[in-house]
Amino acid sequence: MLRKLIVALLALGGAGYAGYQLVLKPWWRRWGVMPAEAIAPLPGDEVVPDAMTSETRGITIDAPPATVWPWLVQMGYGRGGWYSYDAVDMTGHSADRILPEHQGLKAGDLVPTHPGGGFVVKLIDPEKALVLFADTSLMQERSATEEASLNLRATGAVLERAQPTDFAASWAFVLEPLPDGRTRLLERVRARFGETDQPWQRYTMPLMGFGVFVMVRRQLLGIKRRAEQQPLPVPPEVAPEVPA
């Protein structure tokens, strides 16, 4: 009886692992994109050319790139926020309006994830692409992190233990105009990880990857909602006539 139970448990575990590898993992790593979009080259791919993992997600926004772009430019801790679950990665709330003081982003600028560090802007092509980069040194928490909220410090502590010490990652946001005045927003993360002496990280890395997906999905939906607050212009050929 015990032997049958062990065999059944092993079979169930194998089926669960297979389901994760074949269904769940591909779904969250390519959420919202067509197969061709997932493998198509995007701006920023060259930033981490030897990436060990690449994830692409996307969403269609009922607004032109010019309307979506300002929301991307002002992202960051202490700026416009990340438009995701603010209790995890912000102190306060993400902006629901365009902030003129945070629209002057340029290559080399820091987009903070916490008071002590964050991503560096590697590429900025207005209304087309924003590519961010982070590695071990940029994401290390410093004494300034004490200014952050308790939730943000807890998030940083979890990430520090869940990922290898040595890593490099690019984070690209690409805007593709659609013929009907809408926008296709593609988000891609490419990462390379070094060796680790922490054996549990082989198990925590997939969990961290899924956690990133949860945050990014909320972020893309948040950008979409904010950009669509401004209605699309009515094409001249169908504009209503104004009585004289």
C-alpha atoms as a PDB file:
ATOM      1  CA  MET A   1       0.000   0.000   0.000  1.00  0.00           C
ATOM      2  CA  LEU A   2       2.793   2.398   0.950  1.00  0.00           C
ATOM      3  CA  ARG A   3       4.622   1.623  -2.265  1.00  0.00           C
ATOM      4  CA  LYS A   4       1.521   2.424  -4.320  1.00  0.00           C
ATOM      5  CA  LEU A   5       1.101   5.694  -2.421  1.00  0.00           C
ATOM      6  CA  ILE A   6       4.712   6.700  -3.095  1.00  0.00           C
ATOM      7  CA  VAL A   7       4.372   5.869  -6.790  1.00  0.00           C
ATOM      8  CA  ALA A   8       1.147   7.885  -6.973  1.00  0.00           C
ATOM      9  CA  LEU A   9       2.770  10.884  -5.271  1.00  0.00           C
ATOM     10  CA  LEU A  10       5.761  10.725  -7.589  1.00  0.00           C
ATOM     11  CA  ALA A  11       3.472  10.536 -10.603  1.00  0.00           C
ATOM     12  CA  LEU A  12       1.434  13.482  -9.325  1.00  0.00           C
ATOM     13  CA  GLY A  13       4.580  15.497  -8.699  1.00  0.00           C
ATOM     14  CA  GLY A  14       5.902  14.679 -12.156  1.00  0.00           C
ATOM     15  CA  ALA A  15       2.631  15.706 -13.756  1.00  0.00           C
ATOM     16  CA  GLY A  16       2.639  18.954 -11.801  1.00  0.00           C
ATOM     17  CA  TYR A  17       6.207  19.761 -12.829  1.00  0.00           C
ATOM     18  CA  ALA A  18       5.437  18.937 -16.452  1.00  0.00           C
ATOM     19  CA  GLY A  19       2.373  21.167 -16.325  1.00  0.00           C
ATOM     20  CA  TYR A  20       4.459  24.011 -14.924  1.00  0.00           C
ATOM     21  CA  GLN A  21       7.145  23.628 -17.603  1.00  0.00           C
ATOM     22  CA  LEU A  22       4.776  23.125 -20.556  1.00  0.00           C
ATOM     23  CA  VAL A  23       1.840  25.382 -19.654  1.00  0.00           C
ATOM     24  CA  LEU A  24       2.270  27.767 -16.737  1.00  0.00           C
ATOM     25  CA  LYS A  25       5.853  28.913 -17.346  1.00  0.00           C
ATOM     26  CA  PRO A  26       5.419  29.665 -21.089  1.00  0.00           C
ATOM     27  CA  TRP A  27       2.173  31.512 -20.282  1.00  0.00           C
ATOM     28  CA  TRP A  28       3.623  33.991 -17.809  1.00  0.00           C
ATOM     29  CA  ARG A  29       6.866  34.430 -19.737  1.00  0.00           C
ATOM     30  CA  ARG A  30       4.935  35.375 -22.907  1.00  0.00           C
ATOM     31  CA  TRP A  31       1.775  36.889 -21.511  1.00  0.00           C
ATOM     32  CA  GLY A  32      -0.176  38.964 -24.024  1.00  0.00           C
ATOM     33  CA  VAL A  33       2.123  38.363 -27.022  1.00  0.00           C
ATOM     34  CA  MET A  34       1.922  36.326 -30.202  1.00  0.00           C
ATOM     35  CA  PRO A  35       4.651  33.693 -30.826  1.00  0.00           C
ATOM     36  CA  ALA A  36       6.275  35.929 -33.457  1.00  0.00           C
ATOM     37  CA  GLU A  37       6.435  38.864 -31.029  1.00  0.00           C
ATOM     38  CA  ALA A  38       8.093  36.707 -28.374  1.00  0.00           C
ATOM     39  CA  ILE A  39      11.092  35.922 -30.594  1.00  0.00           C
ATOM     40  CA  ALA A  40      11.294  39.085 -32.711  1.00  0.00           C
ATOM     41  CA  PRO A  41      14.354  41.293 -32.062  1.00  0.00           C
ATOM     42  CA  LEU A  42      13.623  44.410 -30.029  1.00  0.00           C
ATOM     43  CA  PRO A  43      15.642  47.497 -29.094  1.00  0.00           C
ATOM     44  CA  GLY A  44      17.793  46.683 -26.073  1.00  0.00           C
ATOM     45  CA  ASP A  45      18.433  43.026 -26.857  1.00  0.00           C
ATOM     46  CA  GLU A  46      22.090  43.896 -27.363  1.00  0.00           C
ATOM     47  CA  VAL A  47      22.458  45.289 -23.832  1.00  0.00           C
ATOM     48  CA  VAL A  48      22.645  41.762 -22.372  1.00  0.00           C
ATOM     49  CA  PRO A  49      23.669  39.722 -25.453  1.00  0.00           C
ATOM     50  CA  ASP A  50      24.491  36.564 -23.485  1.00  0.00           C
ATOM     51  CA  ALA A  51      21.181  36.474 -21.591  1.00  0.00           C
ATOM     52  CA  MET A  52      20.269  33.183 -19.930  1.00  0.00           C
ATOM     53  CA  THR A  53      16.591  34.066 -19.869  1.00  0.00           C
ATOM     54  CA  SER A  54      14.321  36.301 -21.934  1.00  0.00           C
ATOM     55  CA  GLU A  55      10.689  37.138 -21.219  1.00  0.00           C
ATOM     56  CA  THR A  56       8.394  39.205 -23.444  1.00  0.00           C
ATOM     57  CA  ARG A  57       4.942  40.492 -22.580  1.00  0.00           C
ATOM     58  CA  GLY A  58       2.600  42.882 -24.333  1.00  0.00           C
ATOM     59  CA  ILE A  59      -0.646  44.794 -24.312  1.00  0.00           C
ATOM     60  CA  THR A  60      -2.667  46.842 -26.815  1.00  0.00           C
ATOM     61  CA  ILE A  61      -3.548  50.367 -25.727  1.00  0.00           C
ATOM     62  CA  ASP A  62      -6.346  52.445 -27.200  1.00  0.00           C
ATOM     63  CA  ALA A  63      -4.139  55.521 -27.464  1.00  0.00           C
ATOM     64  CA  PRO A  64      -1.307  56.614 -29.793  1.00  0.00           C
ATOM     65  CA  PRO A  65       2.373  56.271 -28.810  1.00  0.00           C
ATOM     66  CA  ALA A  66       2.617  60.010 -28.107  1.00  0.00           C
ATOM     67  CA  THR A  67       0.042  59.570 -25.344  1.00  0.00           C
ATOM     68  CA  VAL A  68       1.606  56.432 -23.864  1.00  0.00           C
ATOM     69  CA  TRP A  69       5.204  57.678 -23.885  1.00  0.00           C
ATOM     70  CA  PRO A  70       5.000  60.269 -21.045  1.00  0.00           C
ATOM     71  CA  TRP A  71       3.797  57.556 -18.664  1.00  0.00           C
ATOM     72  CA  LEU A  72       6.915  55.510 -19.402  1.00  0.00           C
ATOM     73  CA  VAL A  73       9.332  58.427 -19.084  1.00  0.00           C
ATOM     74  CA  GLN A  74       8.217  59.317 -15.559  1.00  0.00           C
ATOM     75  CA  MET A  75       8.436  55.795 -14.107  1.00  0.00           C
ATOM     76  CA  GLY A  76      10.479  55.130 -10.991  1.00  0.00           C
ATOM     77  CA  TYR A  77      10.544  55.258  -7.224  1.00  0.00           C
ATOM     78  CA  GLY A  78      10.098  58.843  -6.047  1.00  0.00           C
ATOM     79  CA  ARG A  79       8.967  59.773  -9.564  1.00  0.00           C
ATOM     80  CA  GLY A  80       5.720  58.634 -11.202  1.00  0.00           C
ATOM     81  CA  GLY A  81       5.902  55.180  -9.642  1.00  0.00           C
ATOM     82  CA  TRP A  82       5.650  51.795 -11.359  1.00  0.00           C
ATOM     83  CA  TYR A  83       1.854  51.633 -11.829  1.00  0.00           C
ATOM     84  CA  SER A  84       1.818  48.211 -10.167  1.00  0.00           C
ATOM     85  CA  TYR A  85       1.190  47.073  -6.584  1.00  0.00           C
ATOM     86  CA  ASP A  86       2.362  50.221  -4.811  1.00  0.00           C
ATOM     87  CA  ALA A  87       2.541  48.605  -1.379  1.00  0.00           C
ATOM     88  CA  VAL A  88       5.392  46.422  -2.672  1.00  0.00           C
ATOM     89  CA  ASP A  89       7.552  48.852  -4.660  1.00  0.00           C
ATOM     90  CA  MET A  90       6.522  52.391  -3.699  1.00  0.00           C
ATOM     91  CA  THR A  91       6.153  54.785  -0.821  1.00  0.00           C
ATOM     92  CA  GLY A  92       2.801  56.363  -1.565  1.00  0.00           C
ATOM     93  CA  HIS A  93       0.918  55.862  -4.810  1.00  0.00           C
ATOM     94  CA  SER A  94       1.822  55.812  -8.485  1.00  0.00           C
ATOM     95  CA  ALA A  95       0.858  58.964 -10.366  1.00  0.00           C
ATOM     96  CA  ASP A  96      -2.456  59.218 -12.181  1.00  0.00           C
ATOM     97  CA  ARG A  97      -1.352  62.289 -14.133  1.00  0.00           C
ATOM     98  CA  ILE A  98       1.583  63.373 -16.250  1.00  0.00           C
ATOM     99  CA  LEU A  99       4.336  64.967 -14.148  1.00  0.00           C
ATOM    100  CA  PRO A 100       6.180  67.643 -16.185  1.00  0.00           C
ATOM    101  CA  GLU A 101       9.109  67.655 -13.753  1.00  0.00           C
ATOM    102  CA  HIS A 102       9.893  64.022 -14.619  1.00  0.00           C
ATOM    103  CA  GLN A 103       9.669  64.241 -18.412  1.00  0.00           C
ATOM    104  CA  GLY A 104      13.307  65.131 -19.072  1.00  0.00           C
ATOM    105  CA  LEU A 105      14.731  61.615 -18.974  1.00  0.00           C
ATOM    106  CA  LYS A 106      17.931  60.957 -20.958  1.00  0.00           C
ATOM    107  CA  ALA A 107      20.499  58.206 -21.506  1.00  0.00           C
ATOM    108  CA  GLY A 108      22.657  57.683 -18.425  1.00  0.00           C
ATOM    109  CA  ASP A 109      19.999  58.840 -15.968  1.00  0.00           C
ATOM    110  CA  LEU A 110      19.069  56.674 -13.001  1.00  0.00           C
ATOM    111  CA  VAL A 111      15.505  55.385 -12.717  1.00  0.00           C
ATOM    112  CA  PRO A 112      15.317  54.506  -9.008  1.00  0.00           C
ATOM    113  CA  THR A 113      13.791  51.344  -7.612  1.00  0.00           C
ATOM    114  CA  HIS A 114      14.595  52.494  -4.056  1.00  0.00           C
ATOM    115  CA  PRO A 115      16.419  55.468  -2.488  1.00  0.00           C
ATOM    116  CA  GLY A 116      19.838  53.854  -2.950  1.00  0.00           C
ATOM    117  CA  GLY A 117      19.846  52.652  -6.566  1.00  0.00           C
ATOM    118  CA  GLY A 118      17.927  51.349  -9.535  1.00  0.00           C
ATOM    119  CA  PHE A 119      18.124  51.089 -13.324  1.00  0.00           C
ATOM    120  CA  VAL A 120      20.263  53.149 -15.683  1.00  0.00           C
ATOM    121  CA  VAL A 121      18.763  54.389 -18.951  1.00  0.00           C
ATOM    122  CA  LYS A 122      20.685  52.673 -21.753  1.00  0.00           C
ATOM    123  CA  LEU A 123      18.524  53.752 -24.679  1.00  0.00           C
ATOM    124  CA  ILE A 124      15.788  56.316 -25.066  1.00  0.00           C
ATOM    125  CA  ASP A 125      14.098  56.832 -28.423  1.00  0.00           C
ATOM    126  CA  PRO A 126      11.113  59.156 -27.857  1.00  0.00           C
ATOM    127  CA  GLU A 127       7.734  57.536 -28.486  1.00  0.00           C
ATOM    128  CA  LYS A 128       9.486  54.338 -29.624  1.00  0.00           C
ATOM    129  CA  ALA A 129      11.687  52.660 -27.019  1.00  0.00           C
ATOM    130  CA  LEU A 130      12.954  52.978 -23.458  1.00  0.00           C
ATOM    131  CA  VAL A 131      15.621  50.483 -22.366  1.00  0.00           C
ATOM    132  CA  LEU A 132      16.805  50.228 -18.765  1.00  0.00           C
ATOM    133  CA  PHE A 133      19.746  48.277 -17.349  1.00  0.00           C
ATOM    134  CA  ALA A 134      20.696  47.021 -13.909  1.00  0.00           C
ATOM    135  CA  ASP A 135      23.448  44.848 -12.517  1.00  0.00           C
ATOM    136  CA  THR A 136      24.744  43.840  -9.113  1.00  0.00           C
ATOM    137  CA  SER A 137      26.309  47.186  -8.225  1.00  0.00           C
ATOM    138  CA  LEU A 138      23.337  49.281  -9.320  1.00  0.00           C
ATOM    139  CA  MET A 139      20.756  47.283  -7.369  1.00  0.00           C
ATOM    140  CA  GLN A 140      22.675  46.949  -4.110  1.00  0.00           C
ATOM    141  CA  GLU A 141      20.837  48.481  -1.197  1.00  0.00           C
ATOM    142  CA  ARG A 142      22.751  51.213   0.545  1.00  0.00           C
ATOM    143  CA  SER A 143      22.288  53.097   3.761  1.00  0.00           C
ATOM    144  CA  ALA A 144      19.877  55.460   2.012  1.00  0.00           C
ATOM    145  CA  THR A 145      17.415  52.561   1.808  1.00  0.00           C
ATOM    146  CA  GLU A 146      16.604  53.260   5.439  1.00  0.00           C
ATOM    147  CA  GLU A 147      14.487  56.127   4.108  1.00  0.00           C
ATOM    148  CA  ALA A 148      12.231  53.651   2.291  1.00  0.00           C
ATOM    149  CA  SER A 149       9.050  52.162   3.692  1.00  0.00           C
ATOM    150  CA  LEU A 150       9.057  48.931   5.680  1.00  0.00           C
ATOM    151  CA  ASN A 151       7.374  47.111   2.763  1.00  0.00           C
ATOM    152  CA  LEU A 152      10.030  48.248   0.299  1.00  0.00           C
ATOM    153  CA  ARG A 153      12.854  47.204   2.618  1.00  0.00           C
ATOM    154  CA  ALA A 154      11.194  43.805   3.021  1.00  0.00           C
ATOM    155  CA  THR A 155      10.919  43.457  -0.771  1.00  0.00           C
ATOM    156  CA  GLY A 156      14.605  44.276  -1.144  1.00  0.00           C
ATOM    157  CA  ALA A 157      15.563  41.723   1.492  1.00  0.00           C
ATOM    158  CA  VAL A 158      13.584  38.991  -0.267  1.00  0.00           C
ATOM    159  CA  LEU A 159      15.121  39.790  -3.662  1.00  0.00           C
ATOM    160  CA  GLU A 160      18.613  39.811  -2.180  1.00  0.00           C
ATOM    161  CA  ARG A 161      18.160  36.251  -0.919  1.00  0.00           C
ATOM    162  CA  ALA A 162      16.217  34.936  -3.911  1.00  0.00           C
ATOM    163  CA  GLN A 163      18.621  35.859  -6.711  1.00  0.00           C
ATOM    164  CA  PRO A 164      22.321  35.184  -7.331  1.00  0.00           C
ATOM    165  CA  THR A 165      24.670  37.933  -6.220  1.00  0.00           C
ATOM    166  CA  ASP A 166      26.096  38.417  -9.707  1.00  0.00           C
ATOM    167  CA  PHE A 167      23.556  39.394 -12.360  1.00  0.00           C
ATOM    168  CA  ALA A 168      22.864  41.797 -15.212  1.00  0.00           C
ATOM    169  CA  ALA A 169      19.472  42.560 -16.736  1.00  0.00           C
ATOM    170  CA  SER A 170      17.913  44.759 -19.396  1.00  0.00           C
ATOM    171  CA  TRP A 171      14.308  45.929 -19.243  1.00  0.00           C
ATOM    172  CA  ALA A 172      12.851  47.281 -22.495  1.00  0.00           C
ATOM    173  CA  PHE A 173       9.566  49.062 -23.185  1.00  0.00           C
ATOM    174  CA  VAL A 174       8.829  49.293 -26.902  1.00  0.00           C
ATOM    175  CA  LEU A 175       5.945  51.205 -28.507  1.00  0.00           C
ATOM    176  CA  GLU A 176       4.686  50.050 -31.893  1.00  0.00           C
ATOM    177  CA  PRO A 177       2.002  52.201 -33.573  1.00  0.00           C
ATOM    178  CA  LEU A 178      -1.064  50.433 -34.940  1.00  0.00           C
ATOM    179  CA  PRO A 179      -2.950  51.661 -38.036  1.00  0.00           C
ATOM    180  CA  ASP A 180      -6.050  52.675 -36.074  1.00  0.00           C
ATOM    181  CA  GLY A 181      -4.283  55.110 -33.752  1.00  0.00           C
ATOM    182  CA  ARG A 182      -3.680  52.532 -31.051  1.00  0.00           C
ATOM    183  CA  THR A 183      -0.361  51.292 -29.631  1.00  0.00           C
ATOM    184  CA  ARG A 184       1.212  47.938 -29.056  1.00  0.00           C
ATOM    185  CA  LEU A 185       3.315  48.104 -25.876  1.00  0.00           C
ATOM    186  CA  LEU A 186       5.903  45.320 -25.615  1.00  0.00           C
ATOM    187  CA  GLU A 187       7.926  44.739 -22.457  1.00  0.00           C
ATOM    188  CA  ARG A 188      10.992  42.502 -22.456  1.00  0.00           C
ATOM    189  CA  VAL A 189      13.340  41.408 -19.668  1.00  0.00           C
ATOM    190  CA  ARG A 190      16.645  39.747 -20.525  1.00  0.00           C
ATOM    191  CA  ALA A 191      18.913  38.564 -17.730  1.00  0.00           C
ATOM    192  CA  ARG A 192      22.224  36.841 -17.110  1.00  0.00           C
ATOM    193  CA  PHE A 193      23.049  35.296 -13.753  1.00  0.00           C
ATOM    194  CA  GLY A 194      26.371  34.263 -12.306  1.00  0.00           C
ATOM    195  CA  GLU A 195      27.107  31.200 -10.255  1.00  0.00           C
ATOM    196  CA  THR A 196      25.783  31.059  -6.717  1.00  0.00           C
ATOM    197  CA  ASP A 197      26.845  29.238  -3.586  1.00  0.00           C
ATOM    198  CA  GLN A 198      23.307  29.337  -2.231  1.00  0.00           C
ATOM    199  CA  PRO A 199      21.666  26.005  -3.224  1.00  0.00           C
ATOM    200  CA  TRP A 200      18.122  27.177  -2.472  1.00  0.00           C
ATOM    201  CA  GLN A 201      18.280  29.792  -5.232  1.00  0.00           C
ATOM    202  CA  ARG A 202      17.642  27.190  -7.935  1.00  0.00           C
ATOM    203  CA  TYR A 203      14.175  26.939  -6.392  1.00  0.00           C
ATOM    204  CA  THR A 204      13.632  30.594  -5.504  1.00  0.00           C
ATOM    205  CA  MET A 205      14.564  31.881  -8.964  1.00  0.00           C
ATOM    206  CA  PRO A 206      11.409  30.506 -10.673  1.00  0.00           C
ATOM    207  CA  LEU A 207       9.297  31.915  -7.839  1.00  0.00           C
ATOM    208  CA  MET A 208      10.969  35.300  -8.254  1.00  0.00           C
ATOM    209  CA  GLY A 209      10.346  35.129 -12.008  1.00  0.00           C
ATOM    210  CA  PHE A 210       6.660  34.523 -11.436  1.00  0.00           C
ATOM    211  CA  GLY A 211       6.585  37.379  -8.928  1.00  0.00           C
ATOM    212  CA  VAL A 212       8.092  39.692 -11.552  1.00  0.00           C
ATOM    213  CA  PHE A 213       5.351  38.629 -13.967  1.00  0.00           C
ATOM    214  CA  VAL A 214       2.630  39.443 -11.421  1.00  0.00           C
ATOM    215  CA  MET A 215       4.074  42.931 -10.918  1.00  0.00           C
ATOM    216  CA  VAL A 216       4.671  43.599 -14.622  1.00  0.00           C
ATOM    217  CA  ARG A 217       1.197  42.414 -15.652  1.00  0.00           C
ATOM    218  CA  ARG A 218      -0.301  44.884 -13.189  1.00  0.00           C
ATOM    219  CA  GLN A 219       2.084  47.547 -14.499  1.00  0.00           C
ATOM    220  CA  LEU A 220       1.071  47.066 -18.141  1.00  0.00           C
ATOM    221  CA  LEU A 221      -2.603  47.190 -17.204  1.00  0.00           C
ATOM    222  CA  GLY A 222      -1.907  50.321 -15.147  1.00  0.00           C
ATOM    223  CA  ILE A 223      -0.185  52.069 -18.063  1.00  0.00           C
ATOM    224  CA  LYS A 224      -3.037  51.075 -20.372  1.00  0.00           C
ATOM    225  CA  ARG A 225      -5.666  52.464 -17.992  1.00  0.00           C
ATOM    226  CA  ARG A 226      -3.850  55.748 -17.537  1.00  0.00           C
ATOM    227  CA  ALA A 227      -3.094  56.291 -21.224  1.00  0.00           C
ATOM    228  CA  GLU A 228      -6.670  55.542 -22.209  1.00  0.00           C
ATOM    229  CA  GLN A 229      -7.963  58.238 -19.879  1.00  0.00           C
ATOM    230  CA  GLN A 230      -7.328  60.594 -22.794  1.00  0.00           C
ATOM    231  CA  PRO A 231      -9.776  59.628 -25.580  1.00  0.00           C
ATOM    232  CA  LEU A 232      -8.611  59.024 -29.135  1.00  0.00           C
ATOM    233  CA  PRO A 233      -9.178  61.937 -31.531  1.00  0.00           C
ATOM    234  CA  VAL A 234     -12.099  61.500 -33.894  1.00  0.00           C
ATOM    235  CA  PRO A 235     -10.913  61.076 -37.515  1.00  0.00           C
ATOM    236  CA  PRO A 236     -11.887  64.101 -39.663  1.00  0.00           C
ATOM    237  CA  GLU A 237     -13.925  62.013 -42.079  1.00  0.00           C
ATOM    238  CA  VAL A 238     -16.295  60.872 -39.354  1.00  0.00           C
ATOM    239  CA  ALA A 239     -16.280  63.988 -37.177  1.00  0.00           C
ATOM    240  CA  PRO A 240     -19.805  65.151 -36.326  1.00  0.00           C
ATOM    241  CA  GLU A 241     -21.071  68.270 -38.032  1.00  0.00           C
ATOM    242  CA  VAL A 242     -21.374  71.342 -35.845  1.00  0.00           C
ATOM    243  CA  PRO A 243     -24.625  73.284 -36.370  1.00  0.00           C
ATOM    244  CA  ALA A 244     -24.080  76.783 -37.693  1.00  0.00           C
END
